[in-house]
Amino acid sequence: MTLEALDNLVKTGSLKAEAPDQKEFDGMLRAARRGLEDASVVGLSEEGRFSLAYGAAHAAALAALRWHGYRSESRYLVFQCLQHTVGLEAGKWRVLDLCHRHRNLAEYEGHLDIPAQLIEELIGIVGEVVLLVEGLGAVR
């Protein structure tokens, strides 16, 4: 895991360096856990499960970024940074990026047609990301 790539994103203005805050980190991680748990509730609509899992993914990824002392206003960049913040393999953050594109289609064009298999994959990856973020420990 290298933070040099993140420092380069600060230089280009894509990320901002900002001291991490334990309370903020804890709140984001709590939101990620809750969203993941809620996305697993039997009987929810596919759209609801996707929305909850996607929100959990974003909260966990942002928590990881904030733990390292960075902030981003770009959702897709937060997912891409997971390879540097928690060592998530590229194939998995690319699934999160795909989910981001699906979310944008739903949000901006009213088109939400997400395969059930993608939702299950999203939930599994979010669970992994939450565990990786928890493994970071307390903010330094």
N, C-alpha and C. Protein backbone atom coordinates (compact mmCIF):
# COMPACT_ATOMS: atom_id res chain seq x y z
N MET A 1 0.86 -1.17 0.00
CA MET A 1 0.00 0.00 0.00
C MET A 1 0.90 1.24 0.00
N THR A 2 0.69 2.08 -0.99
CA THR A 2 1.51 3.28 -1.07
C THR A 2 0.64 4.53 -1.03
N LEU A 3 1.03 5.46 -0.22
CA LEU A 3 0.29 6.71 -0.12
C LEU A 3 0.86 7.75 -1.07
N GLU A 4 1.95 7.42 -1.76
CA GLU A 4 2.53 8.34 -2.74
C GLU A 4 1.51 8.68 -3.83
N ALA A 5 0.75 7.68 -4.25
CA ALA A 5 -0.28 7.92 -5.27
C ALA A 5 -1.32 8.92 -4.77
N LEU A 6 -1.66 8.83 -3.49
CA LEU A 6 -2.64 9.76 -2.92
C LEU A 6 -2.05 11.15 -2.81
N ASP A 7 -0.77 11.24 -2.45
CA ASP A 7 -0.11 12.55 -2.40
C ASP A 7 -0.09 13.19 -3.79
N ASN A 8 0.10 12.37 -4.82
CA ASN A 8 0.06 12.90 -6.19
C ASN A 8 -1.32 13.43 -6.54
N LEU A 9 -2.36 12.78 -6.04
CA LEU A 9 -3.73 13.27 -6.29
C LEU A 9 -3.99 14.58 -5.56
N VAL A 10 -3.32 14.78 -4.45
CA VAL A 10 -3.42 16.08 -3.75
C VAL A 10 -2.79 17.16 -4.63
N LYS A 11 -1.64 16.85 -5.21
CA LYS A 11 -0.93 17.81 -6.07
C LYS A 11 -1.77 18.22 -7.27
N THR A 12 -2.58 17.30 -7.79
CA THR A 12 -3.42 17.63 -8.95
C THR A 12 -4.75 18.26 -8.55
N GLY A 13 -5.01 18.31 -7.24
CA GLY A 13 -6.26 18.90 -6.76
C GLY A 13 -7.42 17.92 -6.70
N SER A 14 -7.16 16.65 -6.98
CA SER A 14 -8.22 15.64 -6.95
C SER A 14 -8.59 15.23 -5.53
N LEU A 15 -7.61 15.28 -4.64
CA LEU A 15 -7.82 15.00 -3.22
C LEU A 15 -7.36 16.21 -2.43
N LYS A 16 -7.86 16.30 -1.22
CA LYS A 16 -7.40 17.33 -0.29
C LYS A 16 -6.77 16.63 0.91
N ALA A 17 -5.65 17.17 1.38
CA ALA A 17 -5.05 16.67 2.61
C ALA A 17 -5.76 17.35 3.77
N GLU A 18 -6.20 16.54 4.71
CA GLU A 18 -6.91 17.07 5.88
C GLU A 18 -6.70 16.10 7.04
N ALA A 19 -6.33 16.63 8.17
CA ALA A 19 -6.06 15.78 9.33
C ALA A 19 -7.26 14.88 9.63
N PRO A 20 -7.00 13.61 9.90
CA PRO A 20 -8.10 12.70 10.23
C PRO A 20 -8.71 13.05 11.59
N ASP A 21 -9.96 12.65 11.75
CA ASP A 21 -10.70 12.92 12.98
C ASP A 21 -11.35 11.62 13.43
N GLN A 22 -11.05 11.18 14.64
CA GLN A 22 -11.57 9.90 15.14
C GLN A 22 -13.09 9.86 15.15
N LYS A 23 -13.72 10.93 15.59
CA LYS A 23 -15.18 10.95 15.67
C LYS A 23 -15.81 10.83 14.28
N GLU A 24 -15.26 11.54 13.32
CA GLU A 24 -15.75 11.46 11.94
C GLU A 24 -15.55 10.04 11.39
N PHE A 25 -14.36 9.49 11.59
CA PHE A 25 -14.06 8.14 11.14
C PHE A 25 -15.03 7.13 11.74
N ASP A 26 -15.24 7.22 13.05
CA ASP A 26 -16.16 6.30 13.73
C ASP A 26 -17.57 6.41 13.17
N GLY A 27 -18.02 7.63 12.91
CA GLY A 27 -19.36 7.83 12.37
C GLY A 27 -19.52 7.23 10.98
N MET A 28 -18.50 7.40 10.15
CA MET A 28 -18.55 6.83 8.80
C MET A 28 -18.54 5.31 8.85
N LEU A 29 -17.71 4.76 9.72
CA LEU A 29 -17.65 3.30 9.84
C LEU A 29 -18.96 2.75 10.39
N ARG A 30 -19.54 3.44 11.35
CA ARG A 30 -20.84 3.02 11.91
C ARG A 30 -21.91 3.04 10.81
N ALA A 31 -21.92 4.08 9.99
CA ALA A 31 -22.89 4.18 8.89
C ALA A 31 -22.68 3.05 7.89
N ALA A 32 -21.43 2.71 7.62
CA ALA A 32 -21.14 1.62 6.69
C ALA A 32 -21.65 0.29 7.25
N ARG A 33 -21.40 0.03 8.51
CA ARG A 33 -21.89 -1.22 9.13
C ARG A 33 -23.41 -1.30 9.09
N ARG A 34 -24.06 -0.19 9.44
CA ARG A 34 -25.53 -0.16 9.48
C ARG A 34 -26.11 -0.37 8.08
N GLY A 35 -25.54 0.32 7.09
CA GLY A 35 -26.02 0.16 5.72
C GLY A 35 -25.85 -1.26 5.21
N LEU A 36 -24.71 -1.86 5.53
CA LEU A 36 -24.46 -3.24 5.14
C LEU A 36 -25.45 -4.19 5.80
N GLU A 37 -25.69 -3.99 7.07
CA GLU A 37 -26.65 -4.83 7.79
C GLU A 37 -28.05 -4.67 7.20
N ASP A 38 -28.45 -3.44 6.95
CA ASP A 38 -29.78 -3.19 6.39
C ASP A 38 -29.93 -3.74 4.98
N ALA A 39 -28.86 -3.70 4.19
CA ALA A 39 -28.91 -4.22 2.82
C ALA A 39 -29.12 -5.73 2.79
N SER A 40 -28.84 -6.37 3.90
CA SER A 40 -28.98 -7.83 3.99
C SER A 40 -30.34 -8.28 4.49
N VAL A 41 -31.24 -7.34 4.78
CA VAL A 41 -32.57 -7.68 5.29
C VAL A 41 -33.38 -8.37 4.19
N VAL A 42 -33.91 -9.52 4.52
CA VAL A 42 -34.73 -10.28 3.58
C VAL A 42 -36.05 -9.53 3.35
N GLY A 43 -36.46 -9.46 2.11
CA GLY A 43 -37.74 -8.84 1.79
C GLY A 43 -37.63 -7.42 1.25
N LEU A 44 -36.45 -6.82 1.34
CA LEU A 44 -36.30 -5.49 0.76
C LEU A 44 -36.26 -5.58 -0.75
N SER A 45 -36.63 -4.52 -1.40
CA SER A 45 -36.56 -4.49 -2.87
C SER A 45 -35.10 -4.53 -3.31
N GLU A 46 -34.89 -4.96 -4.53
CA GLU A 46 -33.54 -4.97 -5.10
C GLU A 46 -32.97 -3.55 -5.10
N GLU A 47 -33.81 -2.58 -5.45
CA GLU A 47 -33.37 -1.18 -5.49
C GLU A 47 -32.95 -0.71 -4.10
N GLY A 48 -33.73 -1.08 -3.10
CA GLY A 48 -33.41 -0.69 -1.73
C GLY A 48 -32.12 -1.32 -1.25
N ARG A 49 -31.95 -2.60 -1.54
CA ARG A 49 -30.72 -3.29 -1.14
C ARG A 49 -29.51 -2.66 -1.81
N PHE A 50 -29.65 -2.37 -3.10
CA PHE A 50 -28.54 -1.75 -3.82
C PHE A 50 -28.19 -0.39 -3.22
N SER A 51 -29.20 0.41 -3.00
CA SER A 51 -28.98 1.75 -2.46
C SER A 51 -28.29 1.70 -1.10
N LEU A 52 -28.75 0.83 -0.23
CA LEU A 52 -28.14 0.69 1.09
C LEU A 52 -26.71 0.18 1.01
N ALA A 53 -26.48 -0.83 0.17
CA ALA A 53 -25.13 -1.38 0.04
C ALA A 53 -24.19 -0.37 -0.60
N TYR A 54 -24.66 0.35 -1.60
CA TYR A 54 -23.83 1.37 -2.24
C TYR A 54 -23.47 2.46 -1.23
N GLY A 55 -24.43 2.91 -0.46
CA GLY A 55 -24.16 3.92 0.56
C GLY A 55 -23.16 3.43 1.59
N ALA A 56 -23.26 2.16 1.95
CA ALA A 56 -22.32 1.57 2.89
C ALA A 56 -20.92 1.51 2.29
N ALA A 57 -20.85 1.16 1.01
CA ALA A 57 -19.56 1.11 0.33
C ALA A 57 -18.89 2.48 0.34
N HIS A 58 -19.67 3.50 0.03
CA HIS A 58 -19.11 4.85 0.00
C HIS A 58 -18.66 5.29 1.39
N ALA A 59 -19.46 5.02 2.40
CA ALA A 59 -19.10 5.41 3.77
C ALA A 59 -17.82 4.72 4.22
N ALA A 60 -17.69 3.43 3.92
CA ALA A 60 -16.49 2.69 4.32
C ALA A 60 -15.26 3.18 3.56
N ALA A 61 -15.41 3.41 2.27
CA ALA A 61 -14.28 3.88 1.46
C ALA A 61 -13.85 5.28 1.90
N LEU A 62 -14.81 6.13 2.20
CA LEU A 62 -14.49 7.47 2.67
C LEU A 62 -13.82 7.43 4.05
N ALA A 63 -14.28 6.53 4.90
CA ALA A 63 -13.65 6.37 6.22
C ALA A 63 -12.18 5.98 6.06
N ALA A 64 -11.89 5.08 5.14
CA ALA A 64 -10.50 4.67 4.90
C ALA A 64 -9.67 5.84 4.41
N LEU A 65 -10.21 6.61 3.51
CA LEU A 65 -9.50 7.77 2.99
C LEU A 65 -9.25 8.79 4.10
N ARG A 66 -10.26 9.04 4.91
CA ARG A 66 -10.13 10.00 6.01
C ARG A 66 -9.14 9.51 7.07
N TRP A 67 -9.08 8.21 7.32
CA TRP A 67 -8.14 7.66 8.29
C TRP A 67 -6.71 8.02 7.90
N HIS A 68 -6.45 8.03 6.59
CA HIS A 68 -5.11 8.35 6.08
C HIS A 68 -4.86 9.85 5.95
N GLY A 69 -5.88 10.66 6.23
CA GLY A 69 -5.68 12.10 6.19
C GLY A 69 -5.97 12.76 4.85
N TYR A 70 -6.91 12.17 4.11
CA TYR A 70 -7.30 12.74 2.81
C TYR A 70 -8.82 12.87 2.77
N ARG A 71 -9.27 13.73 1.88
CA ARG A 71 -10.69 13.93 1.64
C ARG A 71 -10.91 14.08 0.14
N SER A 72 -12.04 13.57 -0.34
CA SER A 72 -12.40 13.71 -1.74
C SER A 72 -13.88 14.05 -1.85
N GLU A 73 -14.19 14.85 -2.83
CA GLU A 73 -15.59 15.17 -3.12
C GLU A 73 -16.09 14.33 -4.29
N SER A 74 -15.27 13.43 -4.76
CA SER A 74 -15.60 12.60 -5.91
C SER A 74 -15.85 11.17 -5.45
N ARG A 75 -17.07 10.69 -5.63
CA ARG A 75 -17.41 9.34 -5.18
C ARG A 75 -16.58 8.26 -5.86
N TYR A 76 -16.42 8.38 -7.17
CA TYR A 76 -15.69 7.31 -7.86
C TYR A 76 -14.23 7.28 -7.43
N LEU A 77 -13.65 8.44 -7.15
CA LEU A 77 -12.26 8.48 -6.73
C LEU A 77 -12.08 7.83 -5.35
N VAL A 78 -13.05 8.00 -4.49
CA VAL A 78 -13.00 7.36 -3.16
C VAL A 78 -12.88 5.85 -3.32
N PHE A 79 -13.64 5.28 -4.27
CA PHE A 79 -13.56 3.84 -4.51
C PHE A 79 -12.21 3.46 -5.10
N GLN A 80 -11.71 4.24 -6.06
CA GLN A 80 -10.43 3.92 -6.69
C GLN A 80 -9.29 3.96 -5.68
N CYS A 81 -9.39 4.81 -4.69
CA CYS A 81 -8.33 4.95 -3.68
C CYS A 81 -8.26 3.76 -2.73
N LEU A 82 -9.27 2.91 -2.73
CA LEU A 82 -9.26 1.75 -1.82
C LEU A 82 -8.04 0.86 -2.01
N GLN A 83 -7.50 0.81 -3.21
CA GLN A 83 -6.30 -0.01 -3.40
C GLN A 83 -5.12 0.55 -2.62
N HIS A 84 -5.13 1.85 -2.36
CA HIS A 84 -4.05 2.48 -1.61
C HIS A 84 -4.35 2.61 -0.12
N THR A 85 -5.61 2.77 0.22
CA THR A 85 -5.96 3.01 1.63
C THR A 85 -6.09 1.73 2.44
N VAL A 86 -6.59 0.65 1.81
CA VAL A 86 -6.74 -0.62 2.55
C VAL A 86 -6.22 -1.83 1.77
N GLY A 87 -5.62 -1.59 0.61
CA GLY A 87 -5.06 -2.68 -0.17
C GLY A 87 -6.08 -3.54 -0.89
N LEU A 88 -7.25 -2.98 -1.19
CA LEU A 88 -8.27 -3.75 -1.92
C LEU A 88 -7.81 -3.99 -3.35
N GLU A 89 -7.96 -5.22 -3.80
CA GLU A 89 -7.50 -5.54 -5.15
C GLU A 89 -8.33 -4.79 -6.21
N ALA A 90 -7.69 -4.52 -7.32
CA ALA A 90 -8.27 -3.68 -8.37
C ALA A 90 -9.62 -4.21 -8.87
N GLY A 91 -9.74 -5.51 -9.03
CA GLY A 91 -10.99 -6.07 -9.54
C GLY A 91 -12.18 -5.75 -8.65
N LYS A 92 -11.94 -5.65 -7.36
CA LYS A 92 -13.04 -5.38 -6.43
C LYS A 92 -13.41 -3.90 -6.42
N TRP A 93 -12.42 -2.99 -6.47
CA TRP A 93 -12.83 -1.59 -6.51
C TRP A 93 -13.44 -1.25 -7.86
N ARG A 94 -13.11 -2.03 -8.88
CA ARG A 94 -13.75 -1.80 -10.20
C ARG A 94 -15.23 -2.19 -10.15
N VAL A 95 -15.58 -3.20 -9.36
CA VAL A 95 -16.99 -3.54 -9.17
C VAL A 95 -17.70 -2.38 -8.48
N LEU A 96 -17.05 -1.77 -7.49
CA LEU A 96 -17.63 -0.61 -6.82
C LEU A 96 -17.80 0.54 -7.80
N ASP A 97 -16.84 0.71 -8.71
CA ASP A 97 -16.94 1.74 -9.73
C ASP A 97 -18.11 1.46 -10.68
N LEU A 98 -18.31 0.20 -11.03
CA LEU A 98 -19.46 -0.19 -11.85
C LEU A 98 -20.76 0.14 -11.13
N CYS A 99 -20.81 -0.14 -9.85
CA CYS A 99 -22.00 0.18 -9.06
C CYS A 99 -22.21 1.69 -9.00
N HIS A 100 -21.13 2.44 -8.98
CA HIS A 100 -21.24 3.90 -9.01
C HIS A 100 -21.90 4.36 -10.31
N ARG A 101 -21.53 3.74 -11.41
CA ARG A 101 -22.14 4.10 -12.70
C ARG A 101 -23.63 3.74 -12.72
N HIS A 102 -23.97 2.58 -12.15
CA HIS A 102 -25.39 2.20 -12.04
C HIS A 102 -26.15 3.20 -11.17
N ARG A 103 -25.52 3.60 -10.08
CA ARG A 103 -26.15 4.58 -9.18
C ARG A 103 -26.39 5.90 -9.90
N ASN A 104 -25.43 6.33 -10.72
CA ASN A 104 -25.60 7.58 -11.46
C ASN A 104 -26.73 7.48 -12.48
N LEU A 105 -26.83 6.34 -13.14
CA LEU A 105 -27.95 6.15 -14.09
C LEU A 105 -29.28 6.26 -13.37
N ALA A 106 -29.36 5.69 -12.19
CA ALA A 106 -30.61 5.76 -11.42
C ALA A 106 -30.87 7.18 -10.95
N GLU A 107 -29.84 7.82 -10.43
CA GLU A 107 -29.97 9.15 -9.84
C GLU A 107 -30.29 10.23 -10.87
N TYR A 108 -29.61 10.18 -12.01
CA TYR A 108 -29.69 11.27 -12.97
C TYR A 108 -30.56 10.97 -14.19
N GLU A 109 -30.83 9.69 -14.43
CA GLU A 109 -31.62 9.34 -15.61
C GLU A 109 -32.83 8.48 -15.27
N GLY A 110 -33.01 8.14 -14.00
CA GLY A 110 -34.17 7.36 -13.59
C GLY A 110 -34.12 5.92 -14.05
N HIS A 111 -32.95 5.42 -14.39
CA HIS A 111 -32.81 4.06 -14.90
C HIS A 111 -32.12 3.19 -13.86
N LEU A 112 -32.89 2.33 -13.21
CA LEU A 112 -32.30 1.44 -12.21
C LEU A 112 -32.64 0.00 -12.56
N ASP A 113 -31.73 -0.62 -13.27
CA ASP A 113 -31.89 -2.01 -13.67
C ASP A 113 -30.58 -2.72 -13.31
N ILE A 114 -30.51 -3.16 -12.07
CA ILE A 114 -29.27 -3.74 -11.56
C ILE A 114 -29.44 -5.23 -11.37
N PRO A 115 -28.57 -6.03 -11.99
CA PRO A 115 -28.67 -7.47 -11.84
C PRO A 115 -28.53 -7.90 -10.37
N ALA A 116 -29.34 -8.86 -9.97
CA ALA A 116 -29.29 -9.36 -8.59
C ALA A 116 -27.89 -9.86 -8.23
N GLN A 117 -27.21 -10.47 -9.18
CA GLN A 117 -25.86 -10.97 -8.93
C GLN A 117 -24.90 -9.83 -8.58
N LEU A 118 -25.05 -8.68 -9.23
CA LEU A 118 -24.20 -7.53 -8.93
C LEU A 118 -24.48 -7.01 -7.52
N ILE A 119 -25.73 -7.03 -7.12
CA ILE A 119 -26.08 -6.58 -5.76
C ILE A 119 -25.43 -7.49 -4.72
N GLU A 120 -25.49 -8.80 -4.96
CA GLU A 120 -24.86 -9.74 -4.02
C GLU A 120 -23.35 -9.55 -3.99
N GLU A 121 -22.75 -9.32 -5.15
CA GLU A 121 -21.31 -9.09 -5.21
C GLU A 121 -20.95 -7.80 -4.47
N LEU A 122 -21.76 -6.77 -4.67
CA LEU A 122 -21.55 -5.50 -3.97
C LEU A 122 -21.60 -5.70 -2.46
N ILE A 123 -22.60 -6.41 -1.98
CA ILE A 123 -22.73 -6.65 -0.53
C ILE A 123 -21.51 -7.39 0.00
N GLY A 124 -21.04 -8.38 -0.74
CA GLY A 124 -19.85 -9.12 -0.31
C GLY A 124 -18.61 -8.25 -0.26
N ILE A 125 -18.41 -7.41 -1.25
CA ILE A 125 -17.25 -6.54 -1.29
C ILE A 125 -17.33 -5.50 -0.17
N VAL A 126 -18.52 -4.97 0.07
CA VAL A 126 -18.68 -4.00 1.15
C VAL A 126 -18.32 -4.64 2.48
N GLY A 127 -18.75 -5.88 2.70
CA GLY A 127 -18.38 -6.57 3.93
C GLY A 127 -16.87 -6.69 4.09
N GLU A 128 -16.19 -6.98 2.99
CA GLU A 128 -14.73 -7.08 3.01
C GLU A 128 -14.10 -5.71 3.30
N VAL A 129 -14.60 -4.68 2.64
CA VAL A 129 -14.05 -3.33 2.85
C VAL A 129 -14.25 -2.89 4.30
N VAL A 130 -15.42 -3.16 4.86
CA VAL A 130 -15.67 -2.79 6.26
C VAL A 130 -14.65 -3.47 7.17
N LEU A 131 -14.39 -4.75 6.95
CA LEU A 131 -13.39 -5.45 7.76
C LEU A 131 -12.00 -4.85 7.60
N LEU A 132 -11.64 -4.49 6.38
CA LEU A 132 -10.33 -3.88 6.14
C LEU A 132 -10.22 -2.53 6.83
N VAL A 133 -11.29 -1.75 6.78
CA VAL A 133 -11.28 -0.43 7.42
C VAL A 133 -11.22 -0.59 8.94
N GLU A 134 -11.96 -1.55 9.47
CA GLU A 134 -11.90 -1.81 10.91
C GLU A 134 -10.48 -2.18 11.32
N GLY A 135 -9.79 -2.90 10.44
CA GLY A 135 -8.42 -3.32 10.72
C GLY A 135 -7.41 -2.18 10.77
N LEU A 136 -7.80 -1.01 10.29
CA LEU A 136 -6.90 0.14 10.36
C LEU A 136 -6.68 0.58 11.81
N GLY A 137 -7.66 0.31 12.67
CA GLY A 137 -7.52 0.68 14.07
C GLY A 137 -7.89 2.15 14.30
N ALA A 138 -7.46 2.64 15.44
CA ALA A 138 -7.77 4.02 15.82
C ALA A 138 -7.00 4.99 14.93
N VAL A 139 -7.61 6.15 14.71
CA VAL A 139 -6.96 7.19 13.94
C VAL A 139 -5.70 7.62 14.67
N ARG A 140 -4.61 7.79 13.93
CA ARG A 140 -3.33 8.16 14.54
C ARG A 140 -3.25 9.64 14.76
